[in-house]
Amino acid sequence: MPTYTIFRLRQSLHQQFRWAPHTSGATEVRPKDYEAAGQIEAPSPYAAWSRLREEGRPLRVGDLLECVKGELRICKYVGFEEAHWVLPETRADQGNPSAGAPSEPLPPQPR
């Protein structure tokens, strides 16, 4: 039986997500907006949703379930839809003076 990691949308963002218009396709989510909230074993995301509801810890709209395989599902009013983590880009030149320098020396240029 698959194990799902539960990620709860931060309380401060819950109302904003709840009232946002529904979009089709995969939802992009940022790790900083979520808090890990344990794990649950269930045969499907819908079974996990039902079990959490019975246990008194229901999933809210905007919460995530991540399967061990890395598949991410977001809870929406219409059910569970695909989601992807969006990681912040790191600037290569921030805090590292040698960043951006070529890893190998350049060949000599003809004169």
N, C-alpha and C. Protein backbone atom coordinates (compact mmCIF):
# COMPACT_ATOMS: atom_id res chain seq x y z
N MET A 1 0.85 -1.18 0.00
CA MET A 1 0.00 0.00 0.00
C MET A 1 0.90 1.24 0.00
N PRO A 2 0.62 2.21 -0.87
CA PRO A 2 1.45 3.41 -0.92
C PRO A 2 1.37 4.24 0.36
N THR A 3 2.48 4.90 0.65
CA THR A 3 2.54 5.84 1.76
C THR A 3 2.58 7.24 1.17
N TYR A 4 1.74 8.11 1.69
CA TYR A 4 1.68 9.50 1.24
C TYR A 4 2.19 10.41 2.33
N THR A 5 3.02 11.38 1.94
CA THR A 5 3.42 12.44 2.86
C THR A 5 2.41 13.56 2.72
N ILE A 6 1.95 14.07 3.85
CA ILE A 6 0.94 15.12 3.87
C ILE A 6 1.64 16.47 4.02
N PHE A 7 1.30 17.40 3.16
CA PHE A 7 1.81 18.76 3.25
C PHE A 7 0.61 19.70 3.38
N ARG A 8 0.61 20.47 4.45
CA ARG A 8 -0.49 21.41 4.71
C ARG A 8 -0.09 22.80 4.22
N LEU A 9 -1.00 23.41 3.48
CA LEU A 9 -0.80 24.79 3.04
C LEU A 9 -0.80 25.69 4.26
N ARG A 10 0.14 26.60 4.33
CA ARG A 10 0.22 27.51 5.49
C ARG A 10 -1.10 28.25 5.65
N GLN A 11 -1.51 28.41 6.89
CA GLN A 11 -2.80 29.03 7.21
C GLN A 11 -2.97 30.40 6.55
N SER A 12 -1.90 31.19 6.52
CA SER A 12 -1.99 32.54 5.96
C SER A 12 -2.30 32.53 4.47
N LEU A 13 -2.06 31.43 3.78
CA LEU A 13 -2.30 31.36 2.34
C LEU A 13 -3.57 30.60 1.97
N HIS A 14 -4.19 30.00 2.97
CA HIS A 14 -5.35 29.15 2.70
C HIS A 14 -6.50 29.89 2.02
N GLN A 15 -6.89 31.04 2.55
CA GLN A 15 -8.02 31.78 1.95
C GLN A 15 -7.68 32.27 0.55
N GLN A 16 -6.44 32.68 0.34
CA GLN A 16 -6.02 33.15 -0.99
C GLN A 16 -6.15 32.02 -2.00
N PHE A 17 -5.71 30.83 -1.65
CA PHE A 17 -5.81 29.68 -2.56
C PHE A 17 -7.27 29.30 -2.77
N ARG A 18 -8.02 29.32 -1.69
CA ARG A 18 -9.42 28.90 -1.75
C ARG A 18 -10.23 29.74 -2.73
N TRP A 19 -9.96 31.04 -2.78
CA TRP A 19 -10.74 31.92 -3.64
C TRP A 19 -10.12 32.15 -5.01
N ALA A 20 -8.97 31.57 -5.27
CA ALA A 20 -8.34 31.71 -6.59
C ALA A 20 -9.15 30.94 -7.63
N PRO A 21 -9.19 31.42 -8.86
CA PRO A 21 -9.94 30.70 -9.90
C PRO A 21 -9.30 29.34 -10.19
N HIS A 22 -10.14 28.38 -10.55
CA HIS A 22 -9.66 27.04 -10.88
C HIS A 22 -8.90 27.09 -12.20
N THR A 23 -7.77 26.43 -12.23
CA THR A 23 -6.98 26.35 -13.46
C THR A 23 -6.84 24.89 -13.85
N SER A 24 -6.71 24.65 -15.14
CA SER A 24 -6.51 23.28 -15.60
C SER A 24 -5.02 23.02 -15.74
N GLY A 25 -4.67 21.77 -15.78
CA GLY A 25 -3.27 21.40 -15.89
C GLY A 25 -2.62 21.29 -14.52
N ALA A 26 -1.34 20.98 -14.53
CA ALA A 26 -0.60 20.80 -13.28
C ALA A 26 -0.43 22.13 -12.55
N THR A 27 -0.61 22.09 -11.25
CA THR A 27 -0.45 23.28 -10.41
C THR A 27 1.00 23.35 -9.93
N GLU A 28 1.60 24.51 -10.01
CA GLU A 28 2.96 24.70 -9.52
C GLU A 28 2.88 25.22 -8.09
N VAL A 29 3.57 24.54 -7.17
CA VAL A 29 3.53 24.91 -5.75
C VAL A 29 4.95 25.14 -5.24
N ARG A 30 5.08 26.04 -4.27
CA ARG A 30 6.38 26.38 -3.70
C ARG A 30 6.53 25.71 -2.34
N PRO A 31 7.65 25.04 -2.10
CA PRO A 31 7.86 24.36 -0.81
C PRO A 31 7.72 25.29 0.39
N LYS A 32 8.07 26.56 0.24
CA LYS A 32 8.00 27.48 1.39
C LYS A 32 6.57 27.75 1.83
N ASP A 33 5.59 27.43 0.99
CA ASP A 33 4.19 27.66 1.32
C ASP A 33 3.55 26.49 2.07
N TYR A 34 4.31 25.42 2.31
CA TYR A 34 3.76 24.20 2.90
C TYR A 34 4.57 23.74 4.11
N GLU A 35 3.87 23.01 4.98
CA GLU A 35 4.50 22.40 6.14
C GLU A 35 4.20 20.91 6.11
N ALA A 36 5.22 20.07 6.31
CA ALA A 36 5.02 18.63 6.38
C ALA A 36 4.14 18.32 7.59
N ALA A 37 3.20 17.38 7.43
CA ALA A 37 2.26 17.06 8.50
C ALA A 37 2.08 15.56 8.66
N GLY A 38 3.17 14.81 8.53
CA GLY A 38 3.09 13.37 8.75
C GLY A 38 2.87 12.58 7.48
N GLN A 39 2.54 11.31 7.68
CA GLN A 39 2.32 10.41 6.56
C GLN A 39 1.08 9.57 6.82
N ILE A 40 0.57 8.98 5.75
CA ILE A 40 -0.59 8.09 5.84
C ILE A 40 -0.47 7.02 4.77
N GLU A 41 -0.85 5.80 5.13
CA GLU A 41 -0.88 4.71 4.16
C GLU A 41 -2.30 4.57 3.64
N ALA A 42 -2.42 4.52 2.32
CA ALA A 42 -3.73 4.38 1.70
C ALA A 42 -3.53 3.91 0.26
N PRO A 43 -4.50 3.21 -0.31
CA PRO A 43 -4.35 2.73 -1.68
C PRO A 43 -4.42 3.82 -2.74
N SER A 44 -5.00 4.98 -2.40
CA SER A 44 -5.13 6.08 -3.37
C SER A 44 -5.24 7.40 -2.62
N PRO A 45 -5.04 8.53 -3.32
CA PRO A 45 -5.22 9.83 -2.65
C PRO A 45 -6.64 10.00 -2.09
N TYR A 46 -7.64 9.47 -2.78
CA TYR A 46 -9.01 9.60 -2.30
C TYR A 46 -9.24 8.79 -1.03
N ALA A 47 -8.61 7.61 -0.94
CA ALA A 47 -8.70 6.81 0.28
C ALA A 47 -7.99 7.52 1.42
N ALA A 48 -6.86 8.17 1.14
CA ALA A 48 -6.15 8.94 2.16
C ALA A 48 -7.02 10.10 2.63
N TRP A 49 -7.67 10.79 1.70
CA TRP A 49 -8.55 11.91 2.03
C TRP A 49 -9.66 11.43 2.97
N SER A 50 -10.28 10.31 2.64
CA SER A 50 -11.38 9.77 3.44
C SER A 50 -10.89 9.37 4.84
N ARG A 51 -9.75 8.71 4.89
CA ARG A 51 -9.21 8.26 6.17
C ARG A 51 -8.84 9.43 7.07
N LEU A 52 -8.21 10.45 6.51
CA LEU A 52 -7.86 11.63 7.29
C LEU A 52 -9.11 12.34 7.80
N ARG A 53 -10.14 12.35 7.01
CA ARG A 53 -11.41 12.96 7.42
C ARG A 53 -12.01 12.20 8.61
N GLU A 54 -11.97 10.87 8.52
CA GLU A 54 -12.49 10.04 9.61
C GLU A 54 -11.68 10.22 10.90
N GLU A 55 -10.38 10.47 10.76
CA GLU A 55 -9.50 10.64 11.91
C GLU A 55 -9.60 12.04 12.52
N GLY A 56 -10.37 12.93 11.88
CA GLY A 56 -10.52 14.28 12.39
C GLY A 56 -9.41 15.23 11.97
N ARG A 57 -8.64 14.85 10.95
CA ARG A 57 -7.58 15.71 10.40
C ARG A 57 -7.79 15.87 8.90
N PRO A 58 -8.94 16.38 8.49
CA PRO A 58 -9.26 16.41 7.06
C PRO A 58 -8.30 17.28 6.25
N LEU A 59 -8.12 16.88 5.00
CA LEU A 59 -7.35 17.71 4.07
C LEU A 59 -8.21 18.90 3.69
N ARG A 60 -7.57 20.05 3.56
CA ARG A 60 -8.26 21.26 3.10
C ARG A 60 -7.88 21.51 1.65
N VAL A 61 -8.67 22.32 1.01
CA VAL A 61 -8.35 22.72 -0.36
C VAL A 61 -6.99 23.41 -0.33
N GLY A 62 -6.08 22.94 -1.18
CA GLY A 62 -4.73 23.49 -1.24
C GLY A 62 -3.69 22.59 -0.60
N ASP A 63 -4.12 21.62 0.23
CA ASP A 63 -3.17 20.68 0.84
C ASP A 63 -2.67 19.69 -0.21
N LEU A 64 -1.51 19.10 0.07
CA LEU A 64 -0.87 18.19 -0.88
C LEU A 64 -0.67 16.80 -0.30
N LEU A 65 -0.66 15.81 -1.18
CA LEU A 65 -0.25 14.46 -0.86
C LEU A 65 0.87 14.09 -1.83
N GLU A 66 1.99 13.61 -1.28
CA GLU A 66 3.11 13.21 -2.13
C GLU A 66 3.37 11.73 -1.93
N CYS A 67 3.31 10.98 -3.01
CA CYS A 67 3.55 9.54 -3.00
C CYS A 67 5.06 9.30 -2.88
N VAL A 68 5.42 8.13 -2.41
CA VAL A 68 6.84 7.78 -2.28
C VAL A 68 7.56 7.91 -3.62
N LYS A 69 6.88 7.67 -4.71
CA LYS A 69 7.47 7.79 -6.04
C LYS A 69 7.74 9.23 -6.44
N GLY A 70 7.24 10.18 -5.63
CA GLY A 70 7.45 11.60 -5.92
C GLY A 70 6.27 12.25 -6.61
N GLU A 71 5.22 11.48 -6.92
CA GLU A 71 4.04 12.07 -7.54
C GLU A 71 3.34 12.97 -6.52
N LEU A 72 3.01 14.16 -6.95
CA LEU A 72 2.40 15.15 -6.06
C LEU A 72 0.98 15.43 -6.52
N ARG A 73 0.03 15.39 -5.58
CA ARG A 73 -1.37 15.66 -5.87
C ARG A 73 -1.86 16.76 -4.94
N ILE A 74 -2.59 17.72 -5.50
CA ILE A 74 -3.13 18.82 -4.72
C ILE A 74 -4.64 18.64 -4.57
N CYS A 75 -5.12 18.91 -3.38
CA CYS A 75 -6.55 18.79 -3.10
C CYS A 75 -7.25 20.07 -3.56
N LYS A 76 -8.21 19.89 -4.48
CA LYS A 76 -9.00 21.00 -4.98
C LYS A 76 -10.47 20.64 -4.81
N TYR A 77 -11.36 21.60 -5.07
CA TYR A 77 -12.78 21.33 -4.95
C TYR A 77 -13.23 20.22 -5.89
N VAL A 78 -12.56 20.07 -7.01
CA VAL A 78 -12.96 19.08 -8.01
C VAL A 78 -12.30 17.73 -7.80
N GLY A 79 -11.49 17.60 -6.76
CA GLY A 79 -10.78 16.34 -6.50
C GLY A 79 -9.29 16.59 -6.40
N PHE A 80 -8.53 15.58 -6.70
CA PHE A 80 -7.07 15.70 -6.66
C PHE A 80 -6.55 15.90 -8.08
N GLU A 81 -5.64 16.85 -8.21
CA GLU A 81 -5.02 17.11 -9.50
C GLU A 81 -3.51 17.09 -9.36
N GLU A 82 -2.84 16.95 -10.48
CA GLU A 82 -1.38 16.89 -10.51
C GLU A 82 -0.78 18.23 -10.08
N ALA A 83 0.34 18.15 -9.37
CA ALA A 83 1.06 19.35 -8.95
C ALA A 83 2.55 19.10 -9.09
N HIS A 84 3.32 20.16 -9.13
CA HIS A 84 4.78 20.09 -9.24
C HIS A 84 5.40 21.10 -8.29
N TRP A 85 6.50 20.70 -7.65
CA TRP A 85 7.25 21.65 -6.83
C TRP A 85 7.96 22.62 -7.75
N VAL A 86 7.94 23.89 -7.41
CA VAL A 86 8.70 24.92 -8.11
C VAL A 86 9.78 25.38 -7.15
N LEU A 87 11.01 25.09 -7.48
CA LEU A 87 12.13 25.46 -6.62
C LEU A 87 12.67 26.82 -7.04
N PRO A 88 13.03 27.65 -6.08
CA PRO A 88 13.56 28.97 -6.43
C PRO A 88 14.89 28.82 -7.16
N GLU A 89 15.09 29.68 -8.14
CA GLU A 89 16.36 29.67 -8.87
C GLU A 89 17.42 30.31 -8.00
N THR A 90 18.59 29.71 -8.00
CA THR A 90 19.70 30.31 -7.26
C THR A 90 20.60 31.00 -8.25
N ARG A 91 20.99 32.20 -7.90
CA ARG A 91 21.88 32.95 -8.77
C ARG A 91 23.28 32.41 -8.57
N ALA A 92 23.95 32.11 -9.65
CA ALA A 92 25.29 31.53 -9.58
C ALA A 92 26.30 32.50 -8.99
N ASP A 93 26.08 33.80 -9.16
CA ASP A 93 27.07 34.77 -8.70
C ASP A 93 26.82 35.25 -7.27
N GLN A 94 25.79 34.78 -6.60
CA GLN A 94 25.48 35.23 -5.24
C GLN A 94 26.38 34.52 -4.23
N GLY A 95 27.16 35.28 -3.50
CA GLY A 95 27.97 34.72 -2.42
C GLY A 95 29.14 33.87 -2.86
N ASN A 96 29.38 33.74 -4.14
CA ASN A 96 30.48 32.91 -4.62
C ASN A 96 31.22 33.69 -5.69
N PRO A 97 32.36 34.29 -5.34
CA PRO A 97 33.06 35.12 -6.31
C PRO A 97 33.53 34.37 -7.55
N SER A 98 33.74 33.07 -7.43
CA SER A 98 34.22 32.33 -8.60
C SER A 98 33.07 31.78 -9.43
N ALA A 99 31.84 31.99 -8.98
CA ALA A 99 30.70 31.50 -9.75
C ALA A 99 30.66 32.22 -11.09
N GLY A 100 30.26 31.50 -12.06
CA GLY A 100 30.18 32.08 -13.39
C GLY A 100 31.49 31.94 -14.16
N ALA A 101 32.56 31.62 -13.45
CA ALA A 101 33.84 31.39 -14.12
C ALA A 101 33.79 30.02 -14.77
N PRO A 102 34.42 29.86 -15.91
CA PRO A 102 34.40 28.56 -16.57
C PRO A 102 35.09 27.52 -15.70
N SER A 103 34.59 26.29 -15.78
CA SER A 103 35.16 25.22 -14.97
C SER A 103 36.50 24.74 -15.53
N GLU A 104 36.73 24.96 -16.81
CA GLU A 104 38.00 24.59 -17.42
C GLU A 104 38.65 25.85 -17.99
N PRO A 105 39.95 25.91 -17.98
CA PRO A 105 40.59 27.10 -18.55
C PRO A 105 40.29 27.19 -20.04
N LEU A 106 40.18 28.42 -20.50
CA LEU A 106 39.96 28.64 -21.92
C LEU A 106 41.24 28.38 -22.70
N PRO A 107 41.12 27.86 -23.93
CA PRO A 107 42.32 27.65 -24.74
C PRO A 107 42.95 28.99 -25.10
N PRO A 108 44.24 29.03 -25.33
CA PRO A 108 44.90 30.29 -25.68
C PRO A 108 44.30 30.84 -26.99
N GLN A 109 44.15 32.15 -27.03
CA GLN A 109 43.59 32.81 -28.21
C GLN A 109 44.72 33.15 -29.17
N PRO A 110 44.51 32.99 -30.47
CA PRO A 110 45.55 33.36 -31.45
C PRO A 110 45.76 34.86 -31.44
N ARG A 111 47.01 35.28 -31.68
CA ARG A 111 47.34 36.71 -31.68
C ARG A 111 47.38 37.26 -33.04
